[in-house]
C-alpha atoms as a PDB file:
ATOM      1  CA  UNK A   1    -151.747 -16.670 137.984  1.00  0.00           C
ATOM      2  CA  UNK A   2    -153.525 -19.785 136.689  1.00  0.00           C
ATOM      3  CA  UNK A   3    -152.465 -23.221 137.833  1.00  0.00           C
ATOM      4  CA  UNK A   4    -152.463 -26.037 135.338  1.00  0.00           C
ATOM      5  CA  UNK A   5    -154.518 -28.793 136.955  1.00  0.00           C
ATOM      6  CA  UNK A   6    -153.950 -31.283 134.127  1.00  0.00           C
ATOM      7  CA  UNK A   7    -150.399 -32.088 135.184  1.00  0.00           C
ATOM      8  CA  UNK A   8    -150.134 -35.649 136.480  1.00  0.00           C
ATOM      9  CA  UNK A   9    -147.322 -36.632 138.844  1.00  0.00           C
ATOM     10  CA  UNK A  10    -144.714 -38.880 137.276  1.00  0.00           C
ATOM     11  CA  UNK A  11    -144.548 -42.358 138.768  1.00  0.00           C
ATOM     12  CA  UNK A  12    -141.367 -44.414 138.938  1.00  0.00           C
ATOM     13  CA  UNK A  13    -140.891 -46.867 136.089  1.00  0.00           C
ATOM     14  CA  UNK A  14    -141.505 -49.798 138.495  1.00  0.00           C
ATOM     15  CA  UNK A  15    -145.184 -48.885 138.687  1.00  0.00           C
ATOM     16  CA  UNK A  16    -145.641 -48.664 134.925  1.00  0.00           C
ATOM     17  CA  UNK A  17    -144.285 -52.146 134.244  1.00  0.00           C
ATOM     18  CA  UNK A  18    -145.256 -53.925 137.509  1.00  0.00           C
ATOM     19  CA  UNK A  19    -141.600 -54.576 138.304  1.00  0.00           C
ATOM     20  CA  UNK A  20    -140.696 -56.020 141.699  1.00  0.00           C
ATOM     21  CA  UNK A  21    -138.979 -53.685 144.133  1.00  0.00           C
ATOM     22  CA  UNK A  22    -136.071 -55.216 146.054  1.00  0.00           C
ATOM     23  CA  UNK A  23    -134.459 -53.485 149.036  1.00  0.00           C
ATOM     24  CA  UNK A  24    -131.269 -54.896 150.523  1.00  0.00           C
ATOM     25  CA  UNK A  25    -129.791 -54.301 153.949  1.00  0.00           C
ATOM     26  CA  UNK A  26    -126.236 -55.352 153.236  1.00  0.00           C
ATOM     27  CA  UNK A  27    -126.180 -59.021 152.319  1.00  0.00           C
ATOM     28  CA  UNK A  28    -128.188 -60.063 155.393  1.00  0.00           C
ATOM     29  CA  UNK A  29    -131.745 -58.973 154.546  1.00  0.00           C
ATOM     30  CA  UNK A  30    -133.846 -58.494 151.403  1.00  0.00           C
ATOM     31  CA  UNK A  31    -137.351 -57.105 151.158  1.00  0.00           C
ATOM     32  CA  UNK A  32    -139.185 -58.064 147.951  1.00  0.00           C
ATOM     33  CA  UNK A  33    -142.307 -56.054 147.108  1.00  0.00           C
ATOM     34  CA  UNK A  34    -144.460 -57.363 144.280  1.00  0.00           C
ATOM     35  CA  UNK A  35    -144.173 -61.038 145.132  1.00  0.00           C
ATOM     36  CA  UNK A  36    -146.957 -63.427 144.207  1.00  0.00           C
ATOM     37  CA  UNK A  37    -145.818 -66.493 146.151  1.00  0.00           C
ATOM     38  CA  UNK A  38    -142.971 -68.708 147.308  1.00  0.00           C
ATOM     39  CA  UNK A  39    -141.903 -71.384 144.816  1.00  0.00           C
ATOM     40  CA  UNK A  40    -139.040 -73.008 146.747  1.00  0.00           C
ATOM     41  CA  UNK A  41    -137.835 -72.637 150.311  1.00  0.00           C
ATOM     42  CA  UNK A  42    -134.934 -74.152 152.222  1.00  0.00           C
ATOM     43  CA  UNK A  43    -131.966 -72.748 154.150  1.00  0.00           C
ATOM     44  CA  UNK A  44    -129.791 -72.405 151.000  1.00  0.00           C
ATOM     45  CA  UNK A  45    -132.293 -71.405 148.272  1.00  0.00           C
ATOM     46  CA  UNK A  46    -135.445 -69.288 148.354  1.00  0.00           C
ATOM     47  CA  UNK A  47    -137.298 -68.808 145.075  1.00  0.00           C
ATOM     48  CA  UNK A  48    -139.948 -66.088 144.979  1.00  0.00           C
ATOM     49  CA  UNK A  49    -142.446 -65.628 142.160  1.00  0.00           C
ATOM     50  CA  UNK A  50    -143.135 -62.049 141.057  1.00  0.00           C
ATOM     51  CA  UNK A  51    -145.458 -60.477 138.507  1.00  0.00           C
ATOM     52  CA  UNK A  52    -142.530 -60.291 136.087  1.00  0.00           C
ATOM     53  CA  UNK A  53    -140.393 -63.401 136.668  1.00  0.00           C
ATOM     54  CA  UNK A  54    -139.080 -65.589 139.498  1.00  0.00           C
ATOM     55  CA  UNK A  55    -136.248 -64.383 141.764  1.00  0.00           C
ATOM     56  CA  UNK A  56    -133.861 -66.898 143.330  1.00  0.00           C
ATOM     57  CA  UNK A  57    -131.884 -66.028 146.460  1.00  0.00           C
ATOM     58  CA  UNK A  58    -128.931 -68.285 147.306  1.00  0.00           C
ATOM     59  CA  UNK A  59    -126.962 -68.259 150.517  1.00  0.00           C
ATOM     60  CA  UNK A  60    -126.543 -69.797 153.961  1.00  0.00           C
ATOM     61  CA  UNK A  61    -129.040 -69.874 156.793  1.00  0.00           C
ATOM     62  CA  UNK A  62    -131.764 -68.275 154.691  1.00  0.00           C
ATOM     63  CA  UNK A  63    -135.227 -67.889 156.165  1.00  0.00           C
ATOM     64  CA  UNK A  64    -138.436 -66.040 155.440  1.00  0.00           C
ATOM     65  CA  UNK A  65    -138.935 -63.614 158.281  1.00  0.00           C
ATOM     66  CA  UNK A  66    -142.226 -62.116 157.123  1.00  0.00           C
ATOM     67  CA  UNK A  67    -144.640 -62.893 154.303  1.00  0.00           C
ATOM     68  CA  UNK A  68    -147.767 -61.147 153.046  1.00  0.00           C
ATOM     69  CA  UNK A  69    -149.744 -61.406 149.798  1.00  0.00           C
ATOM     70  CA  UNK A  70    -147.389 -58.931 148.061  1.00  0.00           C
ATOM     71  CA  UNK A  71    -144.240 -58.739 150.208  1.00  0.00           C
ATOM     72  CA  UNK A  72    -141.564 -61.160 151.457  1.00  0.00           C
ATOM     73  CA  UNK A  73    -138.649 -60.480 153.814  1.00  0.00           C
ATOM     74  CA  UNK A  74    -135.684 -62.846 153.485  1.00  0.00           C
ATOM     75  CA  UNK A  75    -132.953 -62.992 156.117  1.00  0.00           C
ATOM     76  CA  UNK A  76    -129.660 -64.851 156.296  1.00  0.00           C
ATOM     77  CA  UNK A  77    -126.318 -64.667 154.506  1.00  0.00           C
ATOM     78  CA  UNK A  78    -127.282 -63.794 150.894  1.00  0.00           C
ATOM     79  CA  UNK A  79    -124.584 -64.745 148.381  1.00  0.00           C
ATOM     80  CA  UNK A  80    -126.381 -64.524 145.043  1.00  0.00           C
ATOM     81  CA  UNK A  81    -129.638 -63.264 143.489  1.00  0.00           C
ATOM     82  CA  UNK A  82    -130.766 -64.587 140.106  1.00  0.00           C
ATOM     83  CA  UNK A  83    -133.383 -63.023 137.867  1.00  0.00           C
ATOM     84  CA  UNK A  84    -135.058 -65.612 135.621  1.00  0.00           C
ATOM     85  CA  UNK A  85    -136.129 -64.267 132.269  1.00  0.00           C
END
C-alpha cells in the first residue's frame, strides 16, 4: 500500500490569519498569545496590542502576572473584554 506523502496537516484558522489566542480561567485569569505589547495598564483597564487589533480588559484589581514578547497573562477580576476593530 502506498502512502500519500503530499498531504499537509491542517492548521487551525488562528494560524492562517495571525489571530490572537485567548485562554480564560473563569473570570480571574486570561492568557493572551499573539500580543505585540502593552498599550495601557492600570488596576481597572489593561489594553494589549495584538497582530490583528487591540484587546481591552476591564475589571477590578487587574495586574499583569507574566509578560513575554508574544504572550501576556492578566490576573484579577475580569468583567469585560473588548475587541477593537
